[in-house]
């Protein structure tokens, strides 16, 4: 099978995240099984125009906005009629493949933007995007869709997509969970530690984690906070200033960007991961943390409440504010039996999200669609 995949960034892009990791793990396995995969993506400074990685081909065209037109032109000139299946990935904006590709085409949508428009794009473009999103979703409502969570599936049905046309597959972890032996022997030694991992940008709201930590520390004197991730722009600068000005700055460690191996080791040592995003397709960082033996406390929003089952694999806040998060952190750390139960269930549940299982479900959906 030949698969042509339209998406605005690849794994090497400076703004790449969990979606790109999932995409290319799936493409790697498709290539191993003998399928041909070509990605049409946006270019970036320092990125080569074309390259082959793990058996799949990446073609970089234009930039953040121009990629949509450039991908259309490239398809018309070089790939018209080539594919058996075209994937139009909606990452903020779709490529509208429905209106110009001749081949069978489907939608891949990890999450809808909705309120994220107001955190990621400046006004008035943010308002324009928010208004237009339901319009272009309505235009695409007759397509088959792949997505990663029930929350996104429910979101899509609000905009005219048929429930039976939306297929959910589990996202795959980049690394396997720690061994059962390591989990049994693992001890959370030292001071209780909260962890934030992710990009430092407004839609992730890491400042809420910082405020929750400061409130919880009033009750747990030796509580620590570790922050991993990088960012730029006004929000990131303001957040770093908040860390430096915190009355508990000596108990906060800011790591910046770290390697996958370092992240895994930090997750193993931490006691609780805190996640406060505005909205996600799936809280992949939660599943990664669970696979390292660390449960999470999260806000009650799409994606996070899918990845974290309240009272089972973690705790979901009843209100999305730092004070409520601090209270849930205290409840989890203050009840040894509850912590052990949730930690064990979170770790066990992470096994479902292996790369191999993700691929098997994904490929079975493609076969069903075709």
Protein backbone atom coordinates (compact mmCIF):
# COMPACT_ATOMS: atom_id res chain seq x y z
CA UNK A 1 0.00 0.00 0.00
CA UNK A 2 1.16 3.53 -0.83
CA UNK A 3 0.31 6.18 1.77
CA UNK A 4 0.64 9.93 1.25
CA UNK A 5 0.52 11.83 4.55
CA UNK A 6 -0.09 15.60 4.73
CA UNK A 7 0.91 17.21 8.06
CA UNK A 8 2.48 20.57 8.85
CA UNK A 9 5.54 19.39 10.76
CA UNK A 10 7.75 16.34 11.17
CA UNK A 11 9.68 15.01 14.13
CA UNK A 12 12.78 17.11 13.41
CA UNK A 13 10.83 20.37 13.39
CA UNK A 14 11.73 22.68 16.31
CA UNK A 15 8.07 22.72 17.37
CA UNK A 16 7.56 18.95 17.08
CA UNK A 17 5.70 17.21 19.89
CA UNK A 18 3.96 13.98 20.76
CA UNK A 19 1.89 13.82 17.57
CA UNK A 20 4.98 13.81 15.38
CA UNK A 21 6.56 11.07 17.48
CA UNK A 22 3.42 8.94 17.10
CA UNK A 23 3.15 9.64 13.35
CA UNK A 24 6.67 8.56 12.56
CA UNK A 25 6.62 5.50 14.80
CA UNK A 26 3.55 4.38 12.85
CA UNK A 27 5.23 5.20 9.52
CA UNK A 28 8.34 3.27 10.54
CA UNK A 29 6.28 0.15 11.16
CA UNK A 30 4.28 0.62 7.97
CA UNK A 31 7.56 0.76 6.04
CA UNK A 32 8.83 -2.36 7.83
CA UNK A 33 5.66 -4.16 6.70
CA UNK A 34 6.43 -3.26 3.09
CA UNK A 35 4.24 -0.18 2.65
CA UNK A 36 5.47 3.06 1.06
CA UNK A 37 4.93 6.25 3.08
CA UNK A 38 5.60 9.83 2.00
CA UNK A 39 5.10 12.81 4.33
CA UNK A 40 4.48 16.30 2.90
CA UNK A 41 5.38 18.70 5.72
CA UNK A 42 6.40 22.30 6.38
CA UNK A 43 10.04 23.27 6.17
CA UNK A 44 12.14 24.93 8.86
CA UNK A 45 15.49 26.66 9.09
CA UNK A 46 18.25 24.09 8.70
CA UNK A 47 15.91 21.33 7.51
CA UNK A 48 16.82 19.55 4.27
CA UNK A 49 14.26 19.56 1.46
CA UNK A 50 13.94 15.77 1.31
CA UNK A 51 15.22 12.80 3.27
CA UNK A 52 14.40 9.17 3.97
CA UNK A 53 14.23 8.05 7.60
CA UNK A 54 13.47 4.52 8.81
CA UNK A 55 12.09 3.60 5.40
CA UNK A 56 9.65 6.51 4.96
CA UNK A 57 10.24 9.67 2.94
CA UNK A 58 9.84 13.25 4.16
CA UNK A 59 9.38 16.15 1.73
CA UNK A 60 9.61 19.61 3.36
CA UNK A 61 7.78 22.44 1.61
CA UNK A 62 7.26 26.09 2.47
CA UNK A 63 6.80 27.27 6.04
CA UNK A 64 4.17 27.29 8.78
CA UNK A 65 1.46 28.85 6.60
CA UNK A 66 2.69 28.37 3.04
CA UNK A 67 3.00 24.58 3.46
CA UNK A 68 -0.72 24.14 2.75
CA UNK A 69 -0.47 25.66 -0.72
CA UNK A 70 2.98 24.26 -1.43
CA UNK A 71 1.85 20.73 -0.52
CA UNK A 72 -1.10 21.11 -2.89
CA UNK A 73 1.21 22.20 -5.71
CA UNK A 74 3.71 19.42 -5.03
CA UNK A 75 0.96 16.81 -5.03
CA UNK A 76 -0.47 18.07 -8.34
CA UNK A 77 2.94 18.11 -9.99
CA UNK A 78 4.58 14.98 -8.57
CA UNK A 79 2.20 12.65 -6.72
CA UNK A 80 -1.21 12.85 -8.35
CA UNK A 81 -2.58 9.31 -8.59
CA UNK A 82 0.39 7.77 -6.73
CA UNK A 83 -1.18 6.80 -3.40
CA UNK A 84 -3.68 4.17 -2.38
CA UNK A 85 -4.58 6.27 0.65
CA UNK A 86 -4.10 9.94 1.55
CA UNK A 87 -4.05 11.07 5.19
CA UNK A 88 -5.02 14.69 5.80
CA UNK A 89 -3.84 15.54 9.29
CA UNK A 90 -5.74 18.34 11.01
CA UNK A 91 -3.16 20.04 13.20
CA UNK A 92 -4.84 23.41 13.73
CA UNK A 93 -5.77 23.51 10.01
CA UNK A 94 -6.55 20.70 7.52
CA UNK A 95 -5.00 20.51 4.07
CA UNK A 96 -8.47 20.10 2.50
CA UNK A 97 -7.29 17.09 0.50
CA UNK A 98 -10.91 16.13 -0.01
CA UNK A 99 -11.25 18.83 -2.65
CA UNK A 100 -8.29 18.01 -4.87
CA UNK A 101 -6.84 14.50 -4.38
CA UNK A 102 -8.19 11.71 -6.58
CA UNK A 103 -7.29 8.93 -4.14
CA UNK A 104 -9.19 7.68 -1.12
CA UNK A 105 -8.57 10.22 1.64
CA UNK A 106 -9.21 10.26 5.37
CA UNK A 107 -8.71 12.65 8.28
CA UNK A 108 -6.26 12.23 11.16
CA UNK A 109 -7.21 14.56 14.01
CA UNK A 110 -5.49 14.27 17.37
CA UNK A 111 -7.49 17.16 18.83
CA UNK A 112 -9.60 20.17 17.88
CA UNK A 113 -8.22 23.61 18.61
CA UNK A 114 -11.28 25.48 19.92
CA UNK A 115 -10.14 27.59 22.91
CA UNK A 116 -6.47 26.88 22.15
CA UNK A 117 -6.75 29.44 19.33
CA UNK A 118 -6.71 32.18 21.98
CA UNK A 119 -3.51 30.84 23.55
CA UNK A 120 -1.49 30.08 20.44
CA UNK A 121 -2.40 32.82 17.94
CA UNK A 122 -2.54 36.59 18.34
CA UNK A 123 -5.78 38.56 18.00
CA UNK A 124 -7.58 38.97 15.58
CA UNK A 125 -6.30 35.79 13.88
CA UNK A 126 -7.22 33.83 17.00
CA UNK A 127 -10.85 34.93 16.73
CA UNK A 128 -10.87 34.22 13.00
CA UNK A 129 -9.53 30.69 13.57
CA UNK A 130 -12.05 30.04 16.32
CA UNK A 131 -14.93 31.12 14.05
CA UNK A 132 -13.71 29.23 10.99
CA UNK A 133 -12.90 25.92 12.70
CA UNK A 134 -16.56 24.73 12.89
CA UNK A 135 -17.00 25.75 9.24
CA UNK A 136 -14.14 23.68 7.84
CA UNK A 137 -15.02 20.77 10.13
CA UNK A 138 -18.55 20.84 8.71
CA UNK A 139 -17.06 20.72 5.17
CA UNK A 140 -15.06 17.60 6.10
CA UNK A 141 -17.81 15.83 8.06
CA UNK A 142 -18.27 13.07 5.45
CA UNK A 143 -14.69 11.78 5.88
CA UNK A 144 -13.53 8.78 7.89
CA UNK A 145 -11.49 9.98 10.87
CA UNK A 146 -8.73 8.53 13.03
CA UNK A 147 -8.18 10.04 16.46
CA UNK A 148 -6.55 9.19 19.77
CA UNK A 149 -9.22 9.77 22.43
CA UNK A 150 -12.92 9.55 23.20
CA UNK A 151 -12.89 13.26 24.05
CA UNK A 152 -11.83 14.21 20.52
CA UNK A 153 -14.35 11.74 19.09
CA UNK A 154 -17.12 13.43 21.11
CA UNK A 155 -15.83 16.82 19.98
CA UNK A 156 -16.02 15.80 16.33
CA UNK A 157 -19.60 14.54 16.59
CA UNK A 158 -20.63 18.05 17.68
CA UNK A 159 -19.57 19.30 14.25
CA UNK A 160 -21.44 16.80 12.09
CA UNK A 161 -19.11 13.78 11.96
CA UNK A 162 -20.89 10.45 12.28
CA UNK A 163 -19.89 8.47 15.35
CA UNK A 164 -19.40 5.28 13.31
CA UNK A 165 -16.96 7.12 11.02
CA UNK A 166 -14.60 8.06 13.87
CA UNK A 167 -12.02 5.44 14.84
CA UNK A 168 -9.99 5.69 18.07
CA UNK A 169 -6.53 4.13 18.32
CA UNK A 170 -4.13 4.17 21.29
CA UNK A 171 -1.07 6.38 21.01
CA UNK A 172 2.19 4.51 21.44
CA UNK A 173 4.88 5.28 23.99
CA UNK A 174 8.33 6.08 22.69
CA UNK A 175 9.85 3.65 25.20
CA UNK A 176 8.58 0.50 26.85
CA UNK A 177 7.45 0.70 30.51
CA UNK A 178 10.07 -0.09 33.11
CA UNK A 179 10.26 -3.78 33.97
CA UNK A 180 7.97 -5.24 36.60
CA UNK A 181 11.02 -6.09 38.66
CA UNK A 182 12.19 -2.47 38.55
CA UNK A 183 8.70 -1.29 39.43
CA UNK A 184 8.50 -3.58 42.46
CA UNK A 185 11.95 -2.53 43.65
CA UNK A 186 11.46 1.15 42.87
CA UNK A 187 11.33 3.37 45.94
CA UNK A 188 10.40 7.03 45.95
CA UNK A 189 13.22 8.06 48.26
CA UNK A 190 14.03 11.53 49.48
CA UNK A 191 11.76 14.56 49.58
CA UNK A 192 8.35 14.28 47.90
CA UNK A 193 8.70 15.75 44.41
CA UNK A 194 6.19 17.23 41.99
CA UNK A 195 7.04 17.17 38.31
CA UNK A 196 6.08 19.28 35.32
CA UNK A 197 7.21 18.11 31.90
CA UNK A 198 6.29 19.85 28.66
CA UNK A 199 6.85 22.91 26.55
CA UNK A 200 6.77 26.23 28.37
CA UNK A 201 3.85 27.92 26.65
CA UNK A 202 0.57 29.46 27.70
CA UNK A 203 -1.80 26.65 26.65
CA UNK A 204 0.12 24.23 28.88
CA UNK A 205 -0.23 26.60 31.89
CA UNK A 206 2.90 25.51 33.80
CA UNK A 207 2.47 28.57 36.02
CA UNK A 208 -0.58 26.77 37.50
CA UNK A 209 1.72 23.91 38.53
CA UNK A 210 4.08 26.40 40.15
CA UNK A 211 1.23 28.04 42.07
CA UNK A 212 -0.14 24.63 43.13
CA UNK A 213 3.33 23.64 44.36
CA UNK A 214 3.61 26.82 46.44
CA UNK A 215 0.23 26.15 48.06
CA UNK A 216 0.98 22.47 48.74
CA UNK A 217 4.37 23.33 50.22
CA UNK A 218 2.62 25.21 53.01
CA UNK A 219 1.60 21.74 54.27
CA UNK A 220 4.59 19.65 53.13
CA UNK A 221 7.71 21.48 54.21
CA UNK A 222 10.18 19.37 52.23
CA UNK A 223 8.15 19.30 48.98
CA UNK A 224 10.21 19.88 45.81
CA UNK A 225 9.29 20.87 42.24
CA UNK A 226 11.17 19.78 39.11
CA UNK A 227 10.36 21.44 35.76
CA UNK A 228 11.47 20.00 32.43
CA UNK A 229 10.87 21.61 29.07
CA UNK A 230 11.77 24.71 27.12
CA UNK A 231 10.07 27.65 25.50
CA UNK A 232 10.57 31.12 24.13
CA UNK A 233 8.59 34.31 23.86
CA UNK A 234 6.83 36.45 26.42
CA UNK A 235 5.10 33.66 28.32
CA UNK A 236 8.24 31.56 28.80
CA UNK A 237 10.22 34.59 29.98
CA UNK A 238 7.48 35.51 32.43
CA UNK A 239 7.30 31.97 33.77
CA UNK A 240 11.05 31.76 34.38
CA UNK A 241 10.78 35.07 36.22
CA UNK A 242 8.01 33.58 38.39
CA UNK A 243 10.34 30.71 39.32
CA UNK A 244 13.15 33.05 40.26
CA UNK A 245 10.82 35.27 42.31
CA UNK A 246 9.11 32.39 44.12
CA UNK A 247 9.56 32.37 47.89
CA UNK A 248 10.38 28.68 47.43
CA UNK A 249 12.84 29.16 44.57
CA UNK A 250 15.50 27.11 46.38
CA UNK A 251 13.22 24.06 46.18
CA UNK A 252 12.50 24.42 42.46
CA UNK A 253 14.74 22.87 39.80
CA UNK A 254 14.37 24.10 36.23
CA UNK A 255 16.04 21.69 33.79
CA UNK A 256 15.14 23.13 30.40
CA UNK A 257 15.12 20.65 27.51
CA UNK A 258 16.34 17.16 28.44
CA UNK A 259 16.98 13.94 26.53
CA UNK A 260 14.53 11.06 26.49
CA UNK A 261 16.82 9.04 28.78
CA UNK A 262 17.08 11.90 31.28
CA UNK A 263 13.33 12.44 31.21
CA UNK A 264 12.71 8.78 31.94
CA UNK A 265 15.08 8.79 34.91
CA UNK A 266 13.54 11.98 36.33
CA UNK A 267 10.04 10.50 35.98
CA UNK A 268 11.10 7.39 37.87
CA UNK A 269 12.32 9.44 40.82
CA UNK A 270 9.43 11.93 41.02
CA UNK A 271 6.36 11.25 43.17
CA UNK A 272 3.60 13.03 41.22
CA UNK A 273 3.31 14.49 37.72
CA UNK A 274 1.10 17.60 37.43
CA UNK A 275 -0.55 18.51 34.11
CA UNK A 276 -2.62 21.67 33.62
CA UNK A 277 -3.11 22.10 29.86
CA UNK A 278 -6.08 23.97 28.43
CA UNK A 279 -6.85 20.95 26.22
CA UNK A 280 -5.04 17.97 24.69
CA UNK A 281 -5.78 15.20 22.24
CA UNK A 282 -4.27 12.76 24.70
CA UNK A 283 -2.04 13.38 27.70
CA UNK A 284 0.91 11.37 26.39
CA UNK A 285 3.19 12.75 29.10
CA UNK A 286 0.82 11.20 31.66
CA UNK A 287 1.08 7.75 30.08
CA UNK A 288 4.87 8.10 29.87
CA UNK A 289 5.01 9.00 33.55
CA UNK A 290 2.76 6.07 34.45
CA UNK A 291 5.08 3.73 32.54
CA UNK A 292 7.89 4.91 34.82
CA UNK A 293 5.88 4.19 37.97
CA UNK A 294 4.70 7.75 38.65
CA UNK A 295 1.00 8.73 38.84
CA UNK A 296 -0.46 12.11 37.89
CA UNK A 297 -2.79 14.81 39.14
CA UNK A 298 -4.42 16.62 36.20
CA UNK A 299 -7.02 19.18 35.25
CA UNK A 300 -10.46 18.03 34.11
CA UNK A 301 -10.06 18.79 30.39
CA UNK A 302 -10.20 16.85 27.13
CA UNK A 303 -7.25 14.53 26.66
CA UNK A 304 -6.01 14.69 30.22
CA UNK A 305 -9.13 13.04 31.64
CA UNK A 306 -8.75 10.35 28.94
CA UNK A 307 -5.14 9.57 29.86
CA UNK A 308 -5.75 9.83 33.61
CA UNK A 309 -8.68 7.85 35.01
CA UNK A 310 -9.84 9.60 38.17
CA UNK A 311 -9.26 7.49 41.25
CA UNK A 312 -7.86 4.65 39.15
CA UNK A 313 -4.62 5.74 37.47
CA UNK A 314 -4.43 9.23 38.97
CA UNK A 315 -6.55 12.08 40.28
CA UNK A 316 -8.57 14.54 38.19
CA UNK A 317 -9.29 17.92 39.74
CA UNK A 318 -12.92 18.90 40.27
CA UNK A 319 -12.03 22.53 39.55
CA UNK A 320 -9.26 23.61 37.23
CA UNK A 321 -7.31 25.93 39.48
CA UNK A 322 -4.02 25.73 41.43
CA UNK A 323 -5.74 25.57 44.81
CA UNK A 324 -7.73 22.48 43.80
CA UNK A 325 -4.62 20.86 42.32
CA UNK A 326 -2.70 21.52 45.52
CA UNK A 327 -5.48 19.84 47.49
CA UNK A 328 -5.44 16.75 45.27
CA UNK A 329 -1.65 16.55 45.51
CA UNK A 330 -1.90 16.66 49.30
CA UNK A 331 -4.62 14.00 49.27
CA UNK A 332 -2.53 11.67 47.10
CA UNK A 333 0.73 12.15 48.98
CA UNK A 334 -0.97 12.08 52.37
CA UNK A 335 -2.63 8.69 51.92
CA UNK A 336 -0.01 5.95 51.52
CA UNK A 337 -2.54 3.23 50.64
CA UNK A 338 -4.22 5.40 48.00
CA UNK A 339 -0.86 6.35 46.51
CA UNK A 340 0.30 2.72 46.27
CA UNK A 341 -2.97 1.60 44.70
CA UNK A 342 -3.10 4.35 42.09
CA UNK A 343 0.60 4.05 41.29
CA UNK A 344 0.26 0.31 40.69
CA UNK A 345 -2.83 0.70 38.50
CA UNK A 346 -1.25 3.54 36.51
CA UNK A 347 1.83 1.46 35.79
CA UNK A 348 -0.19 -1.62 34.77
CA UNK A 349 -2.42 0.45 32.48
CA UNK A 350 0.53 1.91 30.60
CA UNK A 351 1.27 -1.46 28.95
CA UNK A 352 -1.74 -1.02 26.65
CA UNK A 353 -0.03 1.96 25.02
CA UNK A 354 2.94 0.16 23.53
CA UNK A 355 4.13 1.19 20.09
CA UNK A 356 3.31 -2.28 18.76
CA UNK A 357 -0.27 -2.25 20.06
CA UNK A 358 -0.75 1.29 18.74
CA UNK A 359 0.41 0.16 15.30
CA UNK A 360 -1.73 -2.97 15.26
CA UNK A 361 -4.92 -1.05 16.07
CA UNK A 362 -3.98 1.74 13.62
CA UNK A 363 -3.21 -0.63 10.74
CA UNK A 364 -6.38 -2.65 11.36
CA UNK A 365 -8.41 0.57 11.10
CA UNK A 366 -6.73 1.40 7.77
CA UNK A 367 -7.55 -2.08 6.46
CA UNK A 368 -11.14 -1.67 7.55
CA UNK A 369 -11.44 1.74 5.88
CA UNK A 370 -9.93 0.44 2.62
